[in-house]
Amino acid sequence: MARRPRRNHSPAFKAKVALAALKGDKTMSELATQFDVHPNQ
């Protein structure tokens, strides 16, 4: 099983995810799926 290469997220991407999380209209699981990140991130 091949491992996926480690991804580095840009500050703009992190800000977009943070703003979406602060809105509060979606659950963490939904946000993780939308932005293709692990829910614990």
C-alpha atoms as a PDB file:
ATOM      1  CA  MET A   1       0.000   0.000   0.000  1.00  0.00           C
ATOM      2  CA  ALA A   2       1.607   3.255  -1.150  1.00  0.00           C
ATOM      3  CA  ARG A   3       1.613   6.187   1.222  1.00  0.00           C
ATOM      4  CA  ARG A   4       0.250   9.523   0.110  1.00  0.00           C
ATOM      5  CA  PRO A   5       2.897  12.255   0.003  1.00  0.00           C
ATOM      6  CA  ARG A   6       2.802  14.804   2.791  1.00  0.00           C
ATOM      7  CA  ARG A   7       0.907  17.939   1.783  1.00  0.00           C
ATOM      8  CA  ASN A   8       1.785  21.501   2.768  1.00  0.00           C
ATOM      9  CA  HIS A   9      -1.222  23.791   2.959  1.00  0.00           C
ATOM     10  CA  SER A  10      -0.868  27.457   2.058  1.00  0.00           C
ATOM     11  CA  PRO A  11      -1.828  30.171   4.545  1.00  0.00           C
ATOM     12  CA  ALA A  12      -4.686  31.165   2.216  1.00  0.00           C
ATOM     13  CA  PHE A  13      -6.101  27.614   2.298  1.00  0.00           C
ATOM     14  CA  LYS A  14      -5.817  27.494   6.096  1.00  0.00           C
ATOM     15  CA  ALA A  15      -7.608  30.828   6.401  1.00  0.00           C
ATOM     16  CA  LYS A  16     -10.413  29.628   4.118  1.00  0.00           C
ATOM     17  CA  VAL A  17     -10.898  26.478   6.207  1.00  0.00           C
ATOM     18  CA  ALA A  18     -10.776  28.455   9.469  1.00  0.00           C
ATOM     19  CA  LEU A  19     -13.405  30.926   8.268  1.00  0.00           C
ATOM     20  CA  ALA A  20     -15.665  28.085   7.172  1.00  0.00           C
ATOM     21  CA  ALA A  21     -15.282  26.471  10.599  1.00  0.00           C
ATOM     22  CA  LEU A  22     -16.079  29.735  12.402  1.00  0.00           C
ATOM     23  CA  LYS A  23     -19.327  30.143  10.449  1.00  0.00           C
ATOM     24  CA  GLY A  24     -20.626  27.071  12.260  1.00  0.00           C
ATOM     25  CA  ASP A  25     -23.108  25.977   9.611  1.00  0.00           C
ATOM     26  CA  LYS A  26     -21.351  22.644   8.921  1.00  0.00           C
ATOM     27  CA  THR A  27     -19.975  19.923  11.165  1.00  0.00           C
ATOM     28  CA  MET A  28     -16.250  19.202  11.393  1.00  0.00           C
ATOM     29  CA  SER A  29     -16.795  15.990   9.447  1.00  0.00           C
ATOM     30  CA  GLU A  30     -18.518  17.851   6.616  1.00  0.00           C
ATOM     31  CA  LEU A  31     -15.754  20.473   6.507  1.00  0.00           C
ATOM     32  CA  ALA A  32     -13.059  17.797   6.446  1.00  0.00           C
ATOM     33  CA  THR A  33     -14.773  16.113   3.506  1.00  0.00           C
ATOM     34  CA  GLN A  34     -15.258  19.398   1.667  1.00  0.00           C
ATOM     35  CA  PHE A  35     -11.611  20.475   2.030  1.00  0.00           C
ATOM     36  CA  ASP A  36     -10.128  16.951   1.767  1.00  0.00           C
ATOM     37  CA  VAL A  37      -8.371  17.007   5.148  1.00  0.00           C
ATOM     38  CA  HIS A  38      -8.496  14.689   8.152  1.00  0.00           C
ATOM     39  CA  PRO A  39     -11.232  15.648  10.692  1.00  0.00           C
ATOM     40  CA  ASN A  40      -8.667  15.960  13.509  1.00  0.00           C
ATOM     41  CA  GLN A  41      -6.801  18.644  11.621  1.00  0.00           C
END
